[in-house]
């Protein structure tokens, strides 16, 4: 079992940034007004923020990181680790994390890493950086997670286009011998990779003229091989089976009572249908399951930290909390994390 107990590491702060470009479902040319209303009611995503051309996920992450570091009062020379989790890096090469080290003015001794893990990006970065900090050799880490996922797909694809928003978040981890263990359980089902993928553009299938030829798959799904795709039924089936099983296992193994011991369940905001089904299967108290997809859409790996920023900031700032986080997506990968926090620094979502 890929399960880690990360010792001596605390989450010290979090914030997020979105483009100042809100897009209502009714604004999308692929929808009639009735279709937009139905989408809002069933999928639950009424608004999302899309980056203008030329704005990258790294730009939003820089804004979030600069504000968070200033708010924490950290010297940039003290940052030992920088991890950037995104499937929309600045370039195919070099890694964007190196560019971010330069843009943010971190020291050359800073360990950098790109982690293109999609919707599990937050959990992967915490797991990797947490294990790097745990021994105390490295003391501070800045984790940046974000995507401009909206532009990855076809503008004619009703199955994908309305789901995604763009954002960048920053989290701060620090070596802290008084911190409670961060427990992370990660799993992978690689045979399901084709359910969420971009067929052309890598080295298995480089871009050719064929990559731009659109095909009509019916039901408002029109895309070309260069466009990211979602096999909706496969993803839905995966999301409502594997993640809740993992959450139940975590509760049982760690002897946690979901009603008494967990303050909030932070579930990846894929869509309302999936999150509602997970809440029902797990028999969770709805008051403990914050949603923000109605405002931001599916933010991929930034989804869970953005919930911290937009929905539970006051509690995170003022009292200790026990959080259970569940993420699932590309790979196919999924994970469950138990995170016990002390009062931390949280900044409101910024729009740039």
Protein backbone atom coordinates (compact mmCIF):
# COMPACT_ATOMS: atom_id res chain seq x y z
CA UNK A 1 0.00 0.00 0.00
CA UNK A 2 1.34 3.42 -0.99
CA UNK A 3 0.67 5.06 2.36
CA UNK A 4 2.84 7.61 4.12
CA UNK A 5 2.94 9.05 7.64
CA UNK A 6 4.67 12.40 7.20
CA UNK A 7 6.15 13.55 10.49
CA UNK A 8 7.32 16.98 11.64
CA UNK A 9 5.65 18.95 8.83
CA UNK A 10 2.91 21.57 9.13
CA UNK A 11 0.81 23.47 6.62
CA UNK A 12 1.47 27.11 7.47
CA UNK A 13 -0.54 28.98 4.88
CA UNK A 14 -2.58 28.91 1.68
CA UNK A 15 -4.07 31.26 -0.87
CA UNK A 16 -5.30 31.24 -4.44
CA UNK A 17 -5.50 33.38 -7.56
CA UNK A 18 -7.90 33.31 -10.52
CA UNK A 19 -8.11 35.38 -13.70
CA UNK A 20 -10.38 38.42 -13.48
CA UNK A 21 -12.52 37.00 -16.27
CA UNK A 22 -15.68 35.30 -14.99
CA UNK A 23 -17.60 33.14 -17.46
CA UNK A 24 -21.22 32.19 -16.74
CA UNK A 25 -22.64 29.02 -18.26
CA UNK A 26 -25.12 31.15 -20.22
CA UNK A 27 -22.15 32.99 -21.80
CA UNK A 28 -20.92 29.82 -23.49
CA UNK A 29 -21.86 29.63 -27.20
CA UNK A 30 -22.22 25.84 -27.01
CA UNK A 31 -25.31 26.23 -24.78
CA UNK A 32 -28.81 27.51 -25.35
CA UNK A 33 -30.23 29.33 -22.34
CA UNK A 34 -32.26 26.26 -21.34
CA UNK A 35 -29.19 24.04 -21.67
CA UNK A 36 -27.16 26.43 -19.52
CA UNK A 37 -29.85 26.42 -16.83
CA UNK A 38 -29.99 22.61 -16.86
CA UNK A 39 -26.19 22.41 -16.67
CA UNK A 40 -26.10 24.80 -13.72
CA UNK A 41 -28.73 22.79 -11.85
CA UNK A 42 -27.34 19.31 -12.48
CA UNK A 43 -23.56 19.74 -12.75
CA UNK A 44 -23.53 22.62 -10.28
CA UNK A 45 -20.96 24.79 -12.07
CA UNK A 46 -22.53 28.20 -12.62
CA UNK A 47 -19.36 30.26 -13.01
CA UNK A 48 -15.72 29.72 -13.84
CA UNK A 49 -12.70 32.00 -14.47
CA UNK A 50 -10.74 31.66 -17.70
CA UNK A 51 -7.31 33.10 -18.35
CA UNK A 52 -6.81 35.37 -21.33
CA UNK A 53 -4.41 34.30 -24.05
CA UNK A 54 -0.83 34.68 -22.89
CA UNK A 55 -1.65 34.16 -19.21
CA UNK A 56 -0.30 30.86 -17.84
CA UNK A 57 -0.95 28.90 -14.68
CA UNK A 58 2.54 29.91 -13.55
CA UNK A 59 1.53 33.59 -13.64
CA UNK A 60 -1.35 32.99 -11.24
CA UNK A 61 0.88 30.84 -9.04
CA UNK A 62 3.48 33.62 -8.87
CA UNK A 63 0.81 36.06 -7.67
CA UNK A 64 -0.40 33.60 -5.04
CA UNK A 65 3.14 32.76 -3.89
CA UNK A 66 4.26 36.39 -3.61
CA UNK A 67 1.26 37.28 -1.48
CA UNK A 68 1.58 34.21 0.72
CA UNK A 69 5.32 34.60 1.33
CA UNK A 70 4.88 38.28 2.18
CA UNK A 71 2.01 37.48 4.53
CA UNK A 72 4.01 34.80 6.32
CA UNK A 73 7.02 37.09 6.56
CA UNK A 74 9.31 34.43 5.10
CA UNK A 75 12.63 35.42 3.59
CA UNK A 76 12.90 34.02 0.08
CA UNK A 77 16.40 32.76 0.86
CA UNK A 78 14.80 30.42 3.40
CA UNK A 79 12.78 28.48 0.79
CA UNK A 80 14.34 25.05 0.31
CA UNK A 81 11.75 23.33 -1.91
CA UNK A 82 9.49 24.50 -4.74
CA UNK A 83 7.10 22.08 -6.45
CA UNK A 84 4.84 23.06 -9.33
CA UNK A 85 1.92 20.73 -10.04
CA UNK A 86 0.33 21.43 -13.42
CA UNK A 87 -0.55 19.83 -16.75
CA UNK A 88 -0.27 23.24 -18.44
CA UNK A 89 3.33 24.26 -17.89
CA UNK A 90 4.88 27.19 -19.74
CA UNK A 91 6.79 24.99 -22.18
CA UNK A 92 7.22 21.33 -23.05
CA UNK A 93 10.79 21.87 -21.83
CA UNK A 94 12.30 23.18 -19.58
CA UNK A 95 10.40 22.39 -16.37
CA UNK A 96 8.34 25.37 -15.25
CA UNK A 97 9.46 24.92 -11.65
CA UNK A 98 12.92 26.18 -12.58
CA UNK A 99 11.42 29.23 -14.24
CA UNK A 100 9.35 29.85 -11.12
CA UNK A 101 12.45 29.61 -8.92
CA UNK A 102 13.95 32.41 -11.02
CA UNK A 103 10.79 34.53 -11.17
CA UNK A 104 10.19 34.28 -7.44
CA UNK A 105 13.81 34.98 -6.54
CA UNK A 106 14.38 31.76 -4.62
CA UNK A 107 17.98 30.71 -3.99
CA UNK A 108 19.83 28.42 -6.39
CA UNK A 109 19.95 25.85 -3.59
CA UNK A 110 16.16 25.48 -3.81
CA UNK A 111 15.07 21.98 -4.90
CA UNK A 112 12.57 22.28 -7.77
CA UNK A 113 10.23 19.77 -9.37
CA UNK A 114 7.34 19.66 -11.85
CA UNK A 115 4.54 17.21 -11.03
CA UNK A 116 1.99 16.96 -13.87
CA UNK A 117 -0.46 14.88 -11.85
CA UNK A 118 -3.74 16.59 -12.70
CA UNK A 119 -6.52 16.52 -10.13
CA UNK A 120 -4.34 14.78 -7.51
CA UNK A 121 -1.67 17.48 -7.85
CA UNK A 122 -2.24 19.00 -4.40
CA UNK A 123 -1.92 15.66 -2.66
CA UNK A 124 1.18 14.67 -4.64
CA UNK A 125 2.96 17.95 -3.83
CA UNK A 126 2.19 17.67 -0.12
CA UNK A 127 3.39 14.08 -0.10
CA UNK A 128 6.62 14.79 -1.97
CA UNK A 129 7.51 18.02 -0.18
CA UNK A 130 6.39 16.65 3.18
CA UNK A 131 8.74 13.71 2.89
CA UNK A 132 11.57 16.03 1.84
CA UNK A 133 11.02 18.23 4.89
CA UNK A 134 10.30 15.48 7.39
CA UNK A 135 13.93 14.78 8.31
CA UNK A 136 14.61 18.46 9.00
CA UNK A 137 17.36 18.88 6.43
CA UNK A 138 15.05 21.14 4.43
CA UNK A 139 12.90 23.53 6.45
CA UNK A 140 10.46 25.32 4.14
CA UNK A 141 8.58 24.52 0.96
CA UNK A 142 6.32 26.46 -1.37
CA UNK A 143 3.85 24.32 -3.29
CA UNK A 144 2.28 25.78 -6.41
CA UNK A 145 -0.66 24.09 -8.09
CA UNK A 146 -2.57 25.42 -11.07
CA UNK A 147 -3.80 24.95 -14.60
CA UNK A 148 -5.26 26.76 -17.54
CA UNK A 149 -7.23 23.63 -18.32
CA UNK A 150 -10.03 25.35 -20.20
CA UNK A 151 -7.82 25.93 -23.24
CA UNK A 152 -6.67 22.30 -23.40
CA UNK A 153 -9.91 21.09 -24.97
CA UNK A 154 -12.15 21.89 -27.90
CA UNK A 155 -14.40 24.94 -27.68
CA UNK A 156 -17.10 22.75 -29.29
CA UNK A 157 -16.98 19.96 -26.70
CA UNK A 158 -19.96 20.11 -24.35
CA UNK A 159 -18.62 17.19 -22.31
CA UNK A 160 -15.52 19.11 -21.24
CA UNK A 161 -15.49 22.85 -21.96
CA UNK A 162 -18.02 23.97 -19.30
CA UNK A 163 -16.41 21.98 -16.50
CA UNK A 164 -13.06 23.66 -16.01
CA UNK A 165 -11.87 26.89 -14.49
CA UNK A 166 -8.34 28.32 -14.42
CA UNK A 167 -6.41 29.14 -11.27
CA UNK A 168 -3.15 29.04 -9.35
CA UNK A 169 -2.71 28.36 -5.64
CA UNK A 170 0.19 28.51 -3.22
CA UNK A 171 0.67 26.47 -0.06
CA UNK A 172 3.46 26.82 2.49
CA UNK A 173 4.86 23.81 4.36
CA UNK A 174 7.39 24.06 7.18
CA UNK A 175 9.41 21.66 9.31
CA UNK A 176 7.68 21.60 12.69
CA UNK A 177 8.51 18.89 15.31
CA UNK A 178 5.20 19.66 17.09
CA UNK A 179 3.06 18.92 14.03
CA UNK A 180 0.66 15.98 13.85
CA UNK A 181 1.39 13.35 11.20
CA UNK A 182 0.07 14.05 7.71
CA UNK A 183 -1.30 10.74 6.46
CA UNK A 184 -1.40 10.23 2.69
CA UNK A 185 -2.69 7.17 0.84
CA UNK A 186 -2.18 7.21 -2.95
CA UNK A 187 -3.33 4.68 -5.53
CA UNK A 188 -3.05 4.27 -9.30
CA UNK A 189 -5.08 2.41 -11.92
CA UNK A 190 -2.90 2.92 -14.98
CA UNK A 191 -5.00 0.75 -17.26
CA UNK A 192 -7.66 3.48 -17.12
CA UNK A 193 -5.38 6.17 -18.56
CA UNK A 194 -7.48 6.66 -21.71
CA UNK A 195 -10.48 7.96 -19.75
CA UNK A 196 -8.76 11.33 -19.27
CA UNK A 197 -6.14 12.16 -21.85
CA UNK A 198 -4.90 14.32 -24.73
CA UNK A 199 -4.32 11.83 -27.58
CA UNK A 200 -1.93 13.87 -29.73
CA UNK A 201 0.89 16.22 -28.82
CA UNK A 202 3.27 13.98 -26.93
CA UNK A 203 5.91 11.69 -28.35
CA UNK A 204 3.65 8.65 -28.68
CA UNK A 205 1.49 10.61 -31.14
CA UNK A 206 3.23 13.84 -32.21
CA UNK A 207 1.17 16.62 -33.75
CA UNK A 208 0.42 16.09 -37.44
CA UNK A 209 -2.16 17.67 -39.78
CA UNK A 210 -4.54 14.89 -38.67
CA UNK A 211 -4.33 16.22 -35.11
CA UNK A 212 -6.46 19.24 -36.07
CA UNK A 213 -9.26 17.39 -37.88
CA UNK A 214 -12.41 17.59 -35.76
CA UNK A 215 -14.82 14.70 -35.42
CA UNK A 216 -18.44 14.87 -34.28
CA UNK A 217 -19.06 12.20 -31.63
CA UNK A 218 -22.67 13.22 -31.11
CA UNK A 219 -24.39 14.82 -28.11
CA UNK A 220 -22.53 18.08 -28.64
CA UNK A 221 -19.07 16.50 -28.45
CA UNK A 222 -16.87 17.79 -31.27
CA UNK A 223 -13.12 17.56 -30.90
CA UNK A 224 -9.84 16.79 -32.63
CA UNK A 225 -7.04 14.44 -31.47
CA UNK A 226 -5.05 17.45 -30.18
CA UNK A 227 -7.85 18.22 -27.71
CA UNK A 228 -8.11 16.83 -24.19
CA UNK A 229 -11.00 14.44 -23.74
CA UNK A 230 -13.13 13.05 -20.95
CA UNK A 231 -14.83 9.68 -21.17
CA UNK A 232 -17.61 10.75 -18.88
CA UNK A 233 -19.12 7.39 -17.97
CA UNK A 234 -15.75 5.79 -17.22
CA UNK A 235 -14.68 8.74 -15.08
CA UNK A 236 -17.99 8.84 -13.21
CA UNK A 237 -17.84 5.11 -12.46
CA UNK A 238 -14.24 5.41 -11.26
CA UNK A 239 -14.91 8.49 -9.13
CA UNK A 240 -17.86 7.06 -7.23
CA UNK A 241 -16.21 3.70 -6.47
CA UNK A 242 -12.46 3.94 -5.82
CA UNK A 243 -12.24 7.21 -3.81
CA UNK A 244 -15.02 6.42 -1.29
CA UNK A 245 -13.55 2.98 -0.72
CA UNK A 246 -10.19 4.62 0.00
CA UNK A 247 -11.80 7.09 2.40
CA UNK A 248 -13.55 4.30 4.30
CA UNK A 249 -10.31 2.34 4.55
CA UNK A 250 -8.50 5.40 5.92
CA UNK A 251 -11.18 5.98 8.56
CA UNK A 252 -11.09 2.34 9.65
CA UNK A 253 -7.30 1.98 9.67
CA UNK A 254 -6.73 5.22 11.57
CA UNK A 255 -9.69 4.56 13.91
CA UNK A 256 -11.36 7.84 13.01
CA UNK A 257 -15.08 8.48 13.41
CA UNK A 258 -16.35 10.44 10.42
CA UNK A 259 -18.94 12.24 12.55
CA UNK A 260 -16.84 12.97 15.65
CA UNK A 261 -13.22 13.20 14.52
CA UNK A 262 -13.32 14.95 11.12
CA UNK A 263 -14.15 18.66 10.95
CA UNK A 264 -14.33 18.88 7.15
CA UNK A 265 -14.23 16.55 4.18
CA UNK A 266 -12.54 18.35 1.30
CA UNK A 267 -13.54 16.50 -1.88
CA UNK A 268 -12.13 17.32 -5.30
CA UNK A 269 -14.71 19.52 -7.00
CA UNK A 270 -15.12 17.53 -10.22
CA UNK A 271 -18.82 18.21 -10.53
CA UNK A 272 -21.87 18.23 -8.27
CA UNK A 273 -23.11 14.83 -9.46
CA UNK A 274 -19.89 13.13 -8.37
CA UNK A 275 -19.44 14.99 -5.08
CA UNK A 276 -23.09 14.50 -4.11
CA UNK A 277 -22.80 10.77 -4.82
CA UNK A 278 -19.65 10.50 -2.67
CA UNK A 279 -21.38 12.33 0.18
CA UNK A 280 -24.34 9.95 -0.07
CA UNK A 281 -22.22 6.78 -0.30
CA UNK A 282 -20.09 7.84 2.66
CA UNK A 283 -23.13 9.08 4.63
CA UNK A 284 -21.33 12.32 5.38
CA UNK A 285 -22.84 15.28 7.19
CA UNK A 286 -23.44 17.80 4.36
CA UNK A 287 -22.43 20.60 6.72
CA UNK A 288 -18.94 19.12 6.76
CA UNK A 289 -18.56 19.05 2.97
CA UNK A 290 -17.89 22.55 1.58
CA UNK A 291 -18.47 23.18 -2.13
CA UNK A 292 -16.98 25.92 -4.31
CA UNK A 293 -17.48 24.46 -7.79
CA UNK A 294 -20.51 26.69 -8.33
CA UNK A 295 -18.12 29.65 -8.39
CA UNK A 296 -14.86 28.23 -9.74
CA UNK A 297 -15.68 25.03 -11.64
CA UNK A 298 -13.28 22.09 -11.67
CA UNK A 299 -9.84 23.49 -10.81
CA UNK A 300 -7.96 20.20 -11.14
CA UNK A 301 -5.18 19.85 -8.59
CA UNK A 302 -5.92 23.30 -7.13
CA UNK A 303 -9.44 22.29 -6.17
CA UNK A 304 -8.85 21.24 -2.55
CA UNK A 305 -6.56 24.12 -1.49
CA UNK A 306 -8.97 26.55 -3.16
CA UNK A 307 -11.75 25.18 -0.92
CA UNK A 308 -9.50 25.98 2.04
CA UNK A 309 -9.07 29.52 0.77
CA UNK A 310 -12.61 30.28 -0.33
CA UNK A 311 -14.81 28.29 2.06
CA UNK A 312 -13.14 27.48 5.39
CA UNK A 313 -10.56 30.24 5.76
CA UNK A 314 -11.96 31.59 9.04
CA UNK A 315 -11.83 28.21 10.74
CA UNK A 316 -8.34 27.47 9.39
CA UNK A 317 -7.12 30.80 10.75
CA UNK A 318 -8.65 30.52 14.18
CA UNK A 319 -8.67 26.92 15.41
CA UNK A 320 -7.12 23.50 14.90
CA UNK A 321 -8.92 21.31 12.39
CA UNK A 322 -8.87 17.72 11.24
CA UNK A 323 -9.43 17.50 7.49
CA UNK A 324 -9.97 14.48 5.30
CA UNK A 325 -9.18 15.20 1.66
CA UNK A 326 -10.11 13.09 -1.34
CA UNK A 327 -8.79 13.68 -4.86
CA UNK A 328 -9.09 11.67 -8.08
CA UNK A 329 -8.28 12.13 -11.74
CA UNK A 330 -5.61 11.70 -14.42
CA UNK A 331 -3.73 8.45 -14.42
CA UNK A 332 -6.11 7.20 -13.24
CA UNK A 333 -4.97 8.18 -9.76
CA UNK A 334 -6.75 8.80 -6.49
CA UNK A 335 -5.78 9.55 -2.94
CA UNK A 336 -6.98 10.21 0.58
CA UNK A 337 -5.22 12.46 3.07
CA UNK A 338 -5.77 13.21 6.74
CA UNK A 339 -4.38 16.62 7.61
CA UNK A 340 -4.48 18.02 11.15
CA UNK A 341 -3.87 21.75 11.08
CA UNK A 342 -3.07 24.43 13.61
CA UNK A 343 -4.25 28.01 13.11
CA UNK A 344 -2.58 29.18 9.92
CA UNK A 345 -2.28 32.12 7.55
CA UNK A 346 -4.98 32.24 4.85
CA UNK A 347 -5.46 34.98 2.29
CA UNK A 348 -8.62 35.55 0.25
CA UNK A 349 -8.74 34.53 -3.41
CA UNK A 350 -7.19 37.22 -5.61
CA UNK A 351 -8.29 38.11 -9.15
CA UNK A 352 -5.72 39.35 -11.65
